[in-house]
Amino acid sequence: MEKILRIFTKESGSLNQAAFLLGSLTLVSQILALFRDRSIAHFVGPSASLDSYYAAFRVPDLIFICIASLASITVLIPFIVEKMDGDKVTEESRKYLNDIFTVFFSVMILVAFFAFLLMPKLVFFIAPGFTLEHQEEVVMLSRIMLLSPILMGLSNLFGTVTQLFRKFFVYSLSPIFYNIGIIVGVIFLYPNFKIYGLAMGVALGAFMHFGIQAFSSHLCGFTPKFSLKINFNDIKKSAMNSFPRTLGLAFNNIALISIIALASFLKSGSISVFNFSYNLQSVPLNIIGISYAVAAFPGLTKSFVGGKKEEFKKHLKDAARAIVFWSLPVIFLFIVVRAQIVRVILGSGSFSWDDTRLVAACLAIFSISILAQGMITLLSRSYYATGNTKRPLVVNFLCSLFIIILSYLFIKMFENILFFRYFIESLLKVNDIEGTEVLMLPLAYSIGTILNFILHWIFVKKDFMPEESFITKTFFQSLGASFFLGLVGYLSLNILSPIFGTTTFWGVFLQGFISGILGIIAAIVVLYLLKSEELNVIIETLKTKFWRAKVIAPSAEEL
């Protein structure tokens, strides 16, 4: 075990090595997340009860983001390191962690308690379009899930120690265990407790998430205890340092709450459709965008603090080019083989073919913003590295408000302007099924996110590199390769469809898999002919032992 853990403590200066390692660890968690969603789709399927389940996440998630991120890893580690003697735990560092633990735990319990009491009132803001029966269901589910932010928040706190002592392998296990807990709830608790079994699975997953971090922290010599005398000056510094970032995360969550509230007025199952497609598009975002943004952040910070402007620019350019290089092919691939992806991952049991087509259409719309979402995670961190948290905060607030307004306007346009409705339905080939109004929600989210990226991009260009070309060459090379990926994939689907058919799992899987592989090969050939620098860098990185790279994992509230 010591040899395994030692792998994750070796330093590496390569952005691609760190990003590849983080992406590999994230991939394992995302595979389990997909299996989790498949289990939910199979046993429950898009329905009013599943809508209640997804709506019930909103208040616990908001509590977690607003409070847990105030004691996030990126904020606490510098304070703890400052109070340590090298790698040795001191009484001062132990006292600081105990103070944080005491205040954090007390506040979290207090907020969760008031949320528990106020849930019958809050449900009218979360799901105003639900019937009274399903609103009561949301209240009960949310109350069970309120255990989650408490346990996940404590896990985030203990995870600071796990990362501080570079136990990245152990840290990466928490989201895996979280998903296992939910899967247990779906398979074993749902048959007996129905939809409430899923909420129990969430609480179980949160407990498992917390348990592994608490155990690891104890082995590292940090076992937080309640403090009787608290140094509130240190607590205030930590909270104020993290406050702008916390608000930025909260704005996005509030936008999602508003979207869910609007979806509660739509056809039963709309919230489920939205969440399934949102989770699917989050897979490449977590593997690509967050991996490169997190891997680049330490380098950006060190370069800025050291006054090395050119090095700062290089870190930013390298990460941006990598995100563009990977994201554009994913966008084209997801749009072309969207039905195959959804059917293979979710299509069984209670999940019908109409559900598949609707989720696939939502996935296609979400996909157009994958690049924008990945770049936002990087560009906002470029400001965090310089200590300027105000600019991304303002941009995130304005764009979150824009998403809420667009969601309402698009639904009204879809319901009242027939030409607009027929155009969208025909474009996505869903004009013969019900519930297509839900397509307006990912459309509003994607457009708002793209605007967010554009504003971030304009400000970054102005503040850091006004006279330099950022990613033009990489963008057009990747776009050209992605076009051929989409073209080859689309032609392959049409050729293979009569051969394999669309009525069996293996037939759908082989269509999508072979078409995707042929499209990827075509893209690689185009990139090779264009002499893509990014392709050469990735080939060289794959030749190295990238799994030995040191990596700082993202905090739990970002996953």
Protein backbone atom coordinates (compact mmCIF):
# COMPACT_ATOMS: atom_id res chain seq x y z
CA MET A 1 0.00 0.00 0.00
CA GLU A 2 2.90 2.32 0.80
CA LYS A 3 4.32 1.78 -2.70
CA ILE A 4 0.95 2.61 -4.25
CA LEU A 5 0.61 5.82 -2.22
CA ARG A 6 4.21 6.81 -2.97
CA ILE A 7 3.33 6.97 -6.67
CA PHE A 8 1.18 10.02 -6.00
CA THR A 9 3.79 12.02 -4.04
CA LYS A 10 6.36 12.54 -6.81
CA GLU A 11 6.67 16.00 -8.30
CA SER A 12 6.26 16.75 -11.99
CA GLY A 13 6.39 20.06 -13.80
CA SER A 14 4.32 18.86 -16.75
CA LEU A 15 0.81 20.28 -17.07
CA ASN A 16 -0.27 17.39 -19.30
CA GLN A 17 1.08 14.77 -16.88
CA ALA A 18 -0.85 16.23 -13.94
CA ALA A 19 -3.98 16.70 -16.03
CA PHE A 20 -3.78 13.15 -17.43
CA LEU A 21 -3.48 11.70 -13.93
CA LEU A 22 -6.34 13.78 -12.57
CA GLY A 23 -8.41 12.97 -15.65
CA SER A 24 -7.73 9.24 -15.20
CA LEU A 25 -8.86 9.31 -11.58
CA THR A 26 -11.90 11.38 -12.50
CA LEU A 27 -12.75 8.93 -15.28
CA VAL A 28 -13.16 6.09 -12.77
CA SER A 29 -15.55 8.19 -10.70
CA GLN A 30 -17.47 9.27 -13.81
CA ILE A 31 -17.88 5.67 -14.99
CA LEU A 32 -19.49 4.85 -11.66
CA ALA A 33 -21.64 7.99 -11.94
CA LEU A 34 -22.86 6.77 -15.34
CA PHE A 35 -23.64 3.35 -13.86
CA ARG A 36 -25.50 5.16 -11.06
CA ASP A 37 -27.62 7.05 -13.61
CA ARG A 38 -28.22 3.88 -15.61
CA SER A 39 -29.49 2.14 -12.46
CA ILE A 40 -31.83 5.05 -11.72
CA ALA A 41 -33.05 5.13 -15.34
CA HIS A 42 -33.63 1.36 -15.30
CA PHE A 43 -35.47 1.05 -11.98
CA VAL A 44 -37.28 4.40 -11.87
CA GLY A 45 -37.17 6.13 -15.27
CA PRO A 46 -38.26 9.73 -15.98
CA SER A 47 -41.36 10.26 -13.83
CA ALA A 48 -42.98 12.57 -11.32
CA SER A 49 -41.31 10.73 -8.42
CA LEU A 50 -37.87 10.96 -10.01
CA ASP A 51 -38.53 14.66 -10.64
CA SER A 52 -39.15 14.99 -6.90
CA TYR A 53 -35.87 13.18 -6.17
CA TYR A 54 -33.81 15.52 -8.36
CA ALA A 55 -35.64 18.62 -7.11
CA ALA A 56 -34.90 17.55 -3.54
CA PHE A 57 -31.15 17.94 -4.17
CA ARG A 58 -31.36 21.68 -4.68
CA VAL A 59 -31.51 22.95 -1.06
CA PRO A 60 -28.92 20.46 0.34
CA ASP A 61 -26.61 21.24 -2.59
CA LEU A 62 -26.96 24.99 -2.06
CA ILE A 63 -26.17 24.58 1.66
CA PHE A 64 -23.13 22.46 0.82
CA ILE A 65 -21.81 24.91 -1.76
CA CYS A 66 -22.42 28.02 0.34
CA ILE A 67 -20.91 26.70 3.57
CA ALA A 68 -18.53 23.88 2.61
CA SER A 69 -16.71 26.03 0.07
CA LEU A 70 -15.98 28.59 2.82
CA ALA A 71 -13.73 25.90 4.28
CA SER A 72 -12.50 24.55 0.95
CA ILE A 73 -9.18 22.90 0.26
CA THR A 74 -7.81 25.76 -1.83
CA VAL A 75 -8.42 28.19 1.05
CA LEU A 76 -7.36 26.11 4.07
CA ILE A 77 -4.14 24.52 2.81
CA PRO A 78 -2.08 27.77 2.70
CA PHE A 79 -3.21 28.66 6.26
CA ILE A 80 -2.33 25.20 7.62
CA VAL A 81 1.03 25.06 5.83
CA GLU A 82 1.90 28.45 7.30
CA LYS A 83 1.36 27.06 10.80
CA MET A 84 3.25 23.77 10.24
CA ASP A 85 6.95 23.12 10.75
CA GLY A 86 7.80 21.79 7.30
CA ASP A 87 5.93 18.51 7.02
CA LYS A 88 5.50 18.22 10.78
CA VAL A 89 2.21 18.80 12.55
CA THR A 90 2.46 21.55 15.17
CA GLU A 91 0.13 22.48 18.01
CA GLU A 92 -0.63 25.75 16.22
CA SER A 93 -1.70 23.95 13.03
CA ARG A 94 -3.71 21.44 15.03
CA LYS A 95 -5.44 24.26 16.93
CA TYR A 96 -6.30 26.02 13.68
CA LEU A 97 -7.92 22.89 12.22
CA ASN A 98 -9.82 22.27 15.48
CA ASP A 99 -11.17 25.83 15.38
CA ILE A 100 -12.26 25.47 11.77
CA PHE A 101 -13.87 22.10 12.57
CA THR A 102 -15.78 23.50 15.57
CA VAL A 103 -17.17 26.56 13.77
CA PHE A 104 -17.86 24.75 10.52
CA PHE A 105 -19.66 21.81 12.16
CA SER A 106 -21.74 24.12 14.38
CA VAL A 107 -22.80 26.37 11.50
CA MET A 108 -23.59 23.42 9.24
CA ILE A 109 -25.77 21.74 11.88
CA LEU A 110 -27.57 25.02 12.60
CA VAL A 111 -28.26 25.79 8.93
CA ALA A 112 -29.39 22.22 8.24
CA PHE A 113 -31.72 22.36 11.25
CA PHE A 114 -33.41 25.56 10.03
CA ALA A 115 -33.60 24.16 6.49
CA PHE A 116 -35.29 21.05 7.93
CA LEU A 117 -37.94 23.23 9.59
CA LEU A 118 -38.38 25.55 6.61
CA MET A 119 -38.58 22.92 3.87
CA PRO A 120 -42.42 23.10 3.62
CA LYS A 121 -41.97 26.80 2.77
CA LEU A 122 -38.87 26.39 0.56
CA VAL A 123 -40.52 23.75 -1.61
CA PHE A 124 -42.75 26.44 -3.16
CA PHE A 125 -39.62 28.11 -4.53
CA ILE A 126 -37.98 24.86 -5.70
CA ALA A 127 -40.93 23.10 -7.32
CA PRO A 128 -43.89 25.51 -7.53
CA GLY A 129 -45.46 23.56 -10.40
CA PHE A 130 -45.68 20.25 -8.50
CA THR A 131 -48.90 18.91 -7.04
CA LEU A 132 -49.21 19.05 -3.24
CA GLU A 133 -48.52 15.31 -3.08
CA HIS A 134 -45.22 15.63 -4.91
CA GLN A 135 -44.27 18.77 -3.00
CA GLU A 136 -44.65 16.77 0.21
CA GLU A 137 -42.46 14.13 -1.38
CA VAL A 138 -39.79 16.76 -2.11
CA VAL A 139 -39.95 17.93 1.52
CA MET A 140 -39.36 14.43 2.89
CA LEU A 141 -36.60 13.64 0.40
CA SER A 142 -34.82 16.94 1.08
CA ARG A 143 -34.97 16.36 4.83
CA ILE A 144 -33.29 12.97 4.43
CA MET A 145 -30.69 14.49 2.09
CA LEU A 146 -29.82 17.24 4.58
CA LEU A 147 -27.46 14.70 6.11
CA SER A 148 -25.46 14.92 2.89
CA PRO A 149 -24.12 18.52 3.15
CA ILE A 150 -23.11 17.92 6.77
CA LEU A 151 -21.17 14.73 5.98
CA MET A 152 -19.81 15.97 2.64
CA GLY A 153 -18.76 19.26 4.22
CA LEU A 154 -16.85 17.43 6.96
CA SER A 155 -15.33 15.18 4.30
CA ASN A 156 -14.17 18.28 2.44
CA LEU A 157 -12.56 19.54 5.65
CA PHE A 158 -10.79 16.23 6.36
CA GLY A 159 -9.83 16.07 2.68
CA THR A 160 -7.71 19.17 3.23
CA VAL A 161 -5.42 17.08 5.43
CA THR A 162 -5.46 14.18 2.97
CA GLN A 163 -4.25 16.50 0.21
CA LEU A 164 -1.83 18.31 2.49
CA PHE A 165 0.00 15.04 3.04
CA ARG A 166 -0.30 14.19 -0.67
CA LYS A 167 -2.55 11.14 -0.24
CA PHE A 168 -4.12 11.78 -3.65
CA PHE A 169 -5.06 8.17 -4.26
CA VAL A 170 -7.07 8.07 -1.04
CA TYR A 171 -8.61 11.46 -1.81
CA SER A 172 -9.75 10.26 -5.22
CA LEU A 173 -11.64 7.33 -3.65
CA SER A 174 -14.27 9.53 -1.95
CA PRO A 175 -16.42 10.36 -5.02
CA ILE A 176 -16.18 6.70 -6.02
CA PHE A 177 -17.59 5.59 -2.65
CA TYR A 178 -20.23 8.33 -2.84
CA ASN A 179 -21.54 6.92 -6.11
CA ILE A 180 -21.40 3.36 -4.72
CA GLY A 181 -23.63 4.48 -1.84
CA ILE A 182 -26.24 5.87 -4.25
CA ILE A 183 -26.09 2.71 -6.37
CA VAL A 184 -26.72 0.64 -3.22
CA GLY A 185 -29.74 2.85 -2.55
CA VAL A 186 -31.09 2.29 -6.07
CA ILE A 187 -30.59 -1.47 -6.19
CA PHE A 188 -31.29 -2.51 -2.59
CA LEU A 189 -33.27 0.27 -0.88
CA TYR A 190 -35.53 1.45 -3.71
CA PRO A 191 -37.46 -1.88 -3.95
CA ASN A 192 -38.47 -1.54 -0.27
CA PHE A 193 -38.65 2.21 0.35
CA LYS A 194 -39.43 3.41 -3.20
CA ILE A 195 -38.15 6.91 -3.99
CA TYR A 196 -37.11 7.47 -0.37
CA GLY A 197 -34.64 4.61 -0.77
CA LEU A 198 -32.74 6.76 -3.30
CA ALA A 199 -32.45 9.59 -0.75
CA MET A 200 -31.19 7.07 1.84
CA GLY A 201 -28.59 5.99 -0.72
CA VAL A 202 -27.43 9.61 -1.07
CA ALA A 203 -27.00 9.84 2.71
CA LEU A 204 -25.13 6.50 2.72
CA GLY A 205 -22.85 7.69 -0.09
CA ALA A 206 -22.13 10.93 1.79
CA PHE A 207 -21.25 8.92 4.91
CA MET A 208 -18.86 6.73 2.91
CA HIS A 209 -17.36 9.87 1.30
CA PHE A 210 -16.78 11.28 4.79
CA GLY A 211 -15.56 8.01 6.34
CA ILE A 212 -12.57 7.48 4.06
CA GLN A 213 -11.37 11.08 4.48
CA ALA A 214 -11.78 10.98 8.27
CA PHE A 215 -9.80 7.73 8.45
CA SER A 216 -7.04 9.09 6.21
CA SER A 217 -6.84 12.33 8.23
CA HIS A 218 -6.50 10.32 11.44
CA LEU A 219 -3.62 8.31 9.99
CA CYS A 220 -1.90 11.59 9.06
CA GLY A 221 -2.02 12.73 12.69
CA PHE A 222 -4.94 15.14 12.38
CA THR A 223 -8.04 14.14 14.35
CA PRO A 224 -10.04 17.37 14.80
CA LYS A 225 -11.65 18.00 18.17
CA PHE A 226 -14.07 20.63 19.41
CA SER A 227 -12.33 23.83 20.60
CA LEU A 228 -13.52 25.70 23.66
CA LYS A 229 -11.49 28.82 22.86
CA ILE A 230 -11.66 29.76 19.18
CA ASN A 231 -9.37 32.18 17.36
CA PHE A 232 -12.05 33.98 15.34
CA ASN A 233 -9.48 36.17 13.56
CA ASP A 234 -8.15 33.14 11.67
CA ILE A 235 -11.69 31.95 10.97
CA LYS A 236 -12.59 35.39 9.59
CA LYS A 237 -9.53 35.48 7.32
CA SER A 238 -10.34 32.04 5.88
CA ALA A 239 -14.00 32.89 5.30
CA MET A 240 -13.31 36.29 3.72
CA ASN A 241 -10.67 34.75 1.44
CA SER A 242 -13.17 32.21 0.13
CA PHE A 243 -16.32 34.35 0.13
CA PRO A 244 -16.19 35.66 -3.49
CA ARG A 245 -15.51 32.16 -4.86
CA THR A 246 -18.37 30.78 -2.74
CA LEU A 247 -20.76 33.37 -4.16
CA GLY A 248 -19.69 32.45 -7.69
CA LEU A 249 -20.49 28.79 -7.07
CA ALA A 250 -23.77 29.72 -5.37
CA PHE A 251 -24.94 31.81 -8.36
CA ASN A 252 -24.65 28.83 -10.68
CA ASN A 253 -26.60 26.69 -8.21
CA ILE A 254 -29.31 29.34 -7.90
CA ALA A 255 -29.60 29.35 -11.70
CA LEU A 256 -30.12 25.57 -11.59
CA ILE A 257 -32.75 25.98 -8.84
CA SER A 258 -34.61 28.43 -11.08
CA ILE A 259 -34.40 26.04 -14.02
CA ILE A 260 -35.79 23.20 -11.89
CA ALA A 261 -38.59 25.50 -10.69
CA LEU A 262 -39.55 26.27 -14.31
CA ALA A 263 -39.30 22.58 -15.26
CA SER A 264 -41.76 21.72 -12.47
CA PHE A 265 -44.50 23.36 -14.58
CA LEU A 266 -43.65 21.22 -17.63
CA LYS A 267 -44.56 17.64 -18.47
CA SER A 268 -43.94 15.04 -15.76
CA GLY A 269 -40.40 13.70 -16.11
CA SER A 270 -38.93 16.95 -17.48
CA ILE A 271 -36.67 17.50 -14.46
CA SER A 272 -35.40 13.93 -14.80
CA VAL A 273 -34.66 14.44 -18.50
CA PHE A 274 -32.80 17.67 -17.75
CA ASN A 275 -30.70 16.05 -15.00
CA PHE A 276 -29.83 12.94 -17.02
CA SER A 277 -28.55 15.04 -19.93
CA TYR A 278 -26.77 17.49 -17.59
CA ASN A 279 -24.94 14.61 -15.89
CA LEU A 280 -23.89 13.13 -19.23
CA GLN A 281 -22.43 16.41 -20.52
CA SER A 282 -20.61 16.86 -17.20
CA VAL A 283 -18.46 13.76 -17.85
CA PRO A 284 -16.16 15.36 -20.48
CA LEU A 285 -16.27 18.65 -18.54
CA ASN A 286 -14.92 16.98 -15.40
CA ILE A 287 -12.34 14.92 -17.27
CA ILE A 288 -11.07 17.70 -19.56
CA GLY A 289 -11.96 21.19 -18.34
CA ILE A 290 -11.61 20.76 -14.59
CA SER A 291 -8.55 18.49 -14.93
CA TYR A 292 -6.55 21.05 -16.92
CA ALA A 293 -7.81 24.02 -14.89
CA VAL A 294 -6.87 22.38 -11.58
CA ALA A 295 -3.52 21.18 -12.94
CA ALA A 296 -2.68 24.69 -14.19
CA PHE A 297 -3.72 26.57 -11.03
CA PRO A 298 -0.59 25.96 -8.88
CA GLY A 299 1.66 27.05 -11.76
CA LEU A 300 -0.43 30.16 -12.40
CA THR A 301 -0.28 31.12 -8.72
CA LYS A 302 3.47 30.56 -8.34
CA SER A 303 4.23 32.46 -11.54
CA PHE A 304 2.13 35.47 -10.55
CA VAL A 305 3.46 35.62 -6.98
CA GLY A 306 7.02 35.33 -8.35
CA GLY A 307 6.42 38.16 -10.81
CA LYS A 308 7.07 35.89 -13.80
CA LYS A 309 4.54 37.31 -16.25
CA GLU A 310 5.73 35.37 -19.28
CA GLU A 311 5.60 32.10 -17.35
CA PHE A 312 2.09 32.98 -16.17
CA LYS A 313 1.01 33.56 -19.77
CA LYS A 314 2.58 30.28 -20.88
CA HIS A 315 0.71 28.27 -18.22
CA LEU A 316 -2.55 29.95 -19.24
CA LYS A 317 -1.97 29.43 -22.97
CA ASP A 318 -0.94 25.78 -22.61
CA ALA A 319 -3.99 24.90 -20.52
CA ALA A 320 -6.37 26.85 -22.79
CA ARG A 321 -5.01 25.17 -25.93
CA ALA A 322 -5.34 21.73 -24.32
CA ILE A 323 -8.97 22.37 -23.31
CA VAL A 324 -9.81 23.60 -26.83
CA PHE A 325 -7.94 20.68 -28.42
CA TRP A 326 -9.93 18.06 -26.48
CA SER A 327 -13.31 19.80 -26.17
CA LEU A 328 -14.13 20.50 -29.82
CA PRO A 329 -13.90 16.83 -30.91
CA VAL A 330 -16.05 15.85 -27.91
CA ILE A 331 -18.72 18.37 -28.96
CA PHE A 332 -18.94 16.97 -32.50
CA LEU A 333 -18.81 13.37 -31.24
CA PHE A 334 -21.60 13.91 -28.71
CA ILE A 335 -23.84 15.63 -31.26
CA VAL A 336 -23.39 12.91 -33.92
CA VAL A 337 -23.71 9.80 -31.72
CA ARG A 338 -25.91 11.32 -29.00
CA ALA A 339 -28.72 8.77 -29.35
CA GLN A 340 -26.27 5.85 -29.18
CA ILE A 341 -24.55 7.32 -26.11
CA VAL A 342 -27.83 7.85 -24.26
CA ARG A 343 -29.31 4.49 -25.27
CA VAL A 344 -26.23 2.49 -24.28
CA ILE A 345 -25.72 4.28 -20.95
CA LEU A 346 -29.34 4.80 -19.82
CA GLY A 347 -31.55 2.75 -22.14
CA SER A 348 -33.00 -0.13 -20.15
CA GLY A 349 -35.97 -1.03 -17.99
CA SER A 350 -38.22 1.97 -17.37
CA PHE A 351 -36.23 4.22 -19.72
CA SER A 352 -38.16 4.23 -23.02
CA TRP A 353 -37.06 5.06 -26.59
CA ASP A 354 -38.91 8.40 -26.36
CA ASP A 355 -36.97 9.15 -23.17
CA THR A 356 -33.77 8.29 -25.07
CA ARG A 357 -34.56 10.69 -27.90
CA LEU A 358 -35.49 13.53 -25.54
CA VAL A 359 -32.40 13.14 -23.35
CA ALA A 360 -30.25 12.83 -26.49
CA ALA A 361 -31.68 16.09 -27.85
CA CYS A 362 -30.95 17.84 -24.53
CA LEU A 363 -27.43 16.37 -24.55
CA ALA A 364 -26.81 17.77 -28.05
CA ILE A 365 -27.82 21.25 -26.86
CA PHE A 366 -25.71 20.99 -23.70
CA SER A 367 -22.76 19.80 -25.78
CA ILE A 368 -22.37 23.09 -27.63
CA SER A 369 -21.28 24.70 -24.35
CA ILE A 370 -18.77 22.03 -23.22
CA LEU A 371 -15.83 24.10 -24.49
CA ALA A 372 -17.22 27.25 -22.84
CA GLN A 373 -17.73 25.48 -19.49
CA GLY A 374 -14.18 24.09 -19.55
CA MET A 375 -12.65 27.46 -20.41
CA ILE A 376 -14.60 29.22 -17.66
CA THR A 377 -13.05 26.89 -15.05
CA LEU A 378 -9.59 27.87 -16.33
CA LEU A 379 -10.10 31.60 -16.95
CA SER A 380 -11.76 32.18 -13.57
CA ARG A 381 -8.78 30.47 -11.91
CA SER A 382 -6.41 32.80 -13.73
CA TYR A 383 -8.05 35.60 -11.75
CA TYR A 384 -8.07 33.60 -8.50
CA ALA A 385 -4.32 33.08 -8.96
CA THR A 386 -3.82 36.86 -9.04
CA GLY A 387 -6.08 37.48 -6.06
CA ASN A 388 -8.72 39.22 -8.19
CA THR A 389 -11.96 37.46 -7.25
CA LYS A 390 -14.27 40.37 -8.03
CA ARG A 391 -14.24 40.11 -11.84
CA PRO A 392 -15.27 36.43 -12.16
CA LEU A 393 -17.83 37.01 -9.39
CA VAL A 394 -19.55 39.82 -11.32
CA VAL A 395 -19.45 37.88 -14.60
CA ASN A 396 -20.89 34.74 -12.97
CA PHE A 397 -23.68 36.74 -11.32
CA LEU A 398 -24.72 38.50 -14.53
CA CYS A 399 -24.64 35.32 -16.61
CA SER A 400 -26.56 33.31 -14.00
CA LEU A 401 -29.26 36.00 -14.06
CA PHE A 402 -29.19 35.89 -17.87
CA ILE A 403 -29.71 32.08 -17.83
CA ILE A 404 -32.77 32.46 -15.57
CA ILE A 405 -34.33 35.12 -17.80
CA LEU A 406 -33.56 33.18 -20.99
CA SER A 407 -35.12 29.99 -19.56
CA TYR A 408 -38.41 31.77 -18.99
CA LEU A 409 -38.37 33.59 -22.34
CA PHE A 410 -37.46 30.50 -24.38
CA ILE A 411 -40.25 28.44 -22.83
CA LYS A 412 -42.76 31.19 -23.66
CA MET A 413 -41.40 31.45 -27.23
CA PHE A 414 -41.55 27.67 -27.64
CA GLU A 415 -45.16 27.59 -26.49
CA ASN A 416 -46.37 30.58 -28.54
CA ILE A 417 -44.23 30.78 -31.70
CA LEU A 418 -44.96 27.70 -33.81
CA PHE A 419 -42.17 28.33 -36.32
CA PHE A 420 -39.58 28.41 -33.51
CA ARG A 421 -40.99 25.22 -31.97
CA TYR A 422 -41.08 23.30 -35.27
CA PHE A 423 -37.57 24.44 -36.16
CA ILE A 424 -36.07 23.16 -32.89
CA GLU A 425 -38.06 19.90 -32.92
CA SER A 426 -37.21 19.17 -36.58
CA LEU A 427 -33.54 20.03 -36.12
CA LEU A 428 -33.24 17.57 -33.22
CA LYS A 429 -35.67 15.02 -34.71
CA VAL A 430 -38.11 15.00 -31.78
CA ASN A 431 -41.21 16.50 -33.44
CA ASP A 432 -43.33 13.39 -32.80
CA ILE A 433 -42.89 13.08 -29.02
CA GLU A 434 -44.31 14.99 -26.04
CA GLY A 435 -42.46 17.11 -23.50
CA THR A 436 -40.11 18.89 -25.92
CA GLU A 437 -40.51 22.16 -23.96
CA VAL A 438 -37.72 20.91 -21.70
CA LEU A 439 -35.26 21.53 -24.58
CA MET A 440 -35.46 25.25 -23.82
CA LEU A 441 -33.75 24.78 -20.45
CA PRO A 442 -30.42 23.37 -21.73
CA LEU A 443 -30.60 25.91 -24.58
CA ALA A 444 -30.81 28.79 -22.10
CA TYR A 445 -28.07 27.24 -19.95
CA SER A 446 -25.74 26.77 -22.93
CA ILE A 447 -26.25 30.27 -24.32
CA GLY A 448 -25.73 31.83 -20.88
CA THR A 449 -22.59 29.75 -20.36
CA ILE A 450 -21.17 30.72 -23.76
CA LEU A 451 -21.78 34.40 -22.91
CA ASN A 452 -19.99 33.80 -19.58
CA PHE A 453 -16.99 32.39 -21.46
CA ILE A 454 -16.93 35.26 -23.96
CA LEU A 455 -16.91 37.86 -21.16
CA HIS A 456 -14.18 35.98 -19.28
CA TRP A 457 -12.22 35.73 -22.53
CA ILE A 458 -12.47 39.48 -23.26
CA PHE A 459 -11.33 40.43 -19.76
CA VAL A 460 -8.46 37.91 -19.70
CA LYS A 461 -7.22 39.17 -23.06
CA LYS A 462 -7.42 42.76 -21.82
CA ASP A 463 -5.80 42.15 -18.42
CA PHE A 464 -3.12 39.56 -19.17
CA MET A 465 -2.23 39.40 -22.88
CA PRO A 466 -3.73 42.26 -24.90
CA GLU A 467 -1.47 41.90 -27.93
CA GLU A 468 -1.08 38.12 -28.15
CA SER A 469 -2.97 35.47 -30.06
CA PHE A 470 -4.38 33.09 -27.51
CA ILE A 471 -5.57 29.90 -29.15
CA THR A 472 -6.37 30.81 -32.77
CA LYS A 473 -4.18 28.19 -34.44
CA THR A 474 -5.22 25.39 -32.09
CA PHE A 475 -8.89 26.34 -32.40
CA PHE A 476 -8.99 26.13 -36.20
CA GLN A 477 -6.87 22.96 -36.35
CA SER A 478 -9.10 21.24 -33.80
CA LEU A 479 -12.26 22.59 -35.46
CA GLY A 480 -11.15 21.21 -38.85
CA ALA A 481 -10.33 17.81 -37.35
CA SER A 482 -13.64 17.81 -35.43
CA PHE A 483 -15.57 18.54 -38.62
CA PHE A 484 -14.10 15.43 -40.27
CA LEU A 485 -14.75 13.46 -37.08
CA GLY A 486 -18.42 14.44 -37.25
CA LEU A 487 -18.68 13.80 -40.99
CA VAL A 488 -17.07 10.34 -40.84
CA GLY A 489 -19.09 9.46 -37.73
CA TYR A 490 -22.37 10.55 -39.35
CA LEU A 491 -21.70 8.60 -42.58
CA SER A 492 -20.67 5.52 -40.58
CA LEU A 493 -23.89 5.62 -38.57
CA ASN A 494 -25.96 5.65 -41.75
CA ILE A 495 -23.98 2.75 -43.22
CA LEU A 496 -23.97 0.65 -40.03
CA SER A 497 -27.59 1.26 -38.99
CA PRO A 498 -29.12 -1.29 -41.46
CA ILE A 499 -26.36 -3.79 -40.60
CA PHE A 500 -26.65 -3.82 -36.80
CA GLY A 501 -30.20 -2.53 -36.35
CA THR A 502 -31.46 -0.33 -33.54
CA THR A 503 -33.49 -2.77 -31.46
CA THR A 504 -30.73 -4.46 -29.41
CA PHE A 505 -28.14 -3.17 -26.96
CA TRP A 506 -25.21 -4.59 -28.92
CA GLY A 507 -26.54 -3.27 -32.19
CA VAL A 508 -26.79 0.29 -30.84
CA PHE A 509 -23.46 -0.03 -29.02
CA LEU A 510 -21.55 -1.27 -32.07
CA GLN A 511 -23.03 1.47 -34.25
CA GLY A 512 -21.92 4.20 -31.87
CA PHE A 513 -18.59 2.62 -30.96
CA ILE A 514 -17.41 1.88 -34.50
CA SER A 515 -18.65 5.22 -35.83
CA GLY A 516 -16.95 7.05 -32.97
CA ILE A 517 -13.65 5.20 -33.47
CA LEU A 518 -13.65 5.85 -37.22
CA GLY A 519 -14.42 9.52 -36.58
CA ILE A 520 -11.59 9.79 -34.03
CA ILE A 521 -9.13 8.15 -36.44
CA ALA A 522 -10.16 10.64 -39.14
CA ALA A 523 -9.60 13.52 -36.70
CA ILE A 524 -6.14 12.23 -35.71
CA VAL A 525 -5.14 11.90 -39.38
CA VAL A 526 -6.25 15.50 -40.06
CA LEU A 527 -4.36 16.78 -37.01
CA TYR A 528 -1.26 14.87 -38.11
CA LEU A 529 -1.45 16.37 -41.61
CA LEU A 530 -1.88 19.83 -40.08
CA LYS A 531 1.19 19.17 -37.89
CA SER A 532 -0.69 19.91 -34.68
CA GLU A 533 1.65 20.83 -31.81
CA GLU A 534 -0.90 19.68 -29.25
CA LEU A 535 -1.08 16.22 -30.84
CA ASN A 536 2.71 15.87 -30.58
CA VAL A 537 2.69 17.04 -26.96
CA ILE A 538 0.01 14.51 -26.05
CA ILE A 539 1.90 11.69 -27.79
CA GLU A 540 5.03 12.59 -25.83
CA THR A 541 3.07 12.78 -22.58
CA LEU A 542 1.59 9.33 -23.15
CA LYS A 543 5.15 7.99 -23.52
CA THR A 544 6.01 9.26 -20.02
CA LYS A 545 4.92 7.82 -16.69
CA PHE A 546 2.20 10.44 -16.23
CA TRP A 547 0.67 8.44 -13.39
CA ARG A 548 3.64 9.50 -11.27
CA ALA A 549 2.70 13.15 -11.53
CA LYS A 550 1.83 15.15 -8.43
CA VAL A 551 -1.71 16.46 -8.69
CA ILE A 552 -3.92 18.66 -6.57
CA ALA A 553 -7.47 17.36 -6.83
CA PRO A 554 -10.46 19.69 -7.08
CA SER A 555 -12.47 20.35 -3.97
CA ALA A 556 -15.60 18.29 -3.46
CA GLU A 557 -18.04 21.15 -4.13
CA GLU A 558 -16.70 21.42 -7.70
CA LEU A 559 -17.32 17.76 -8.57
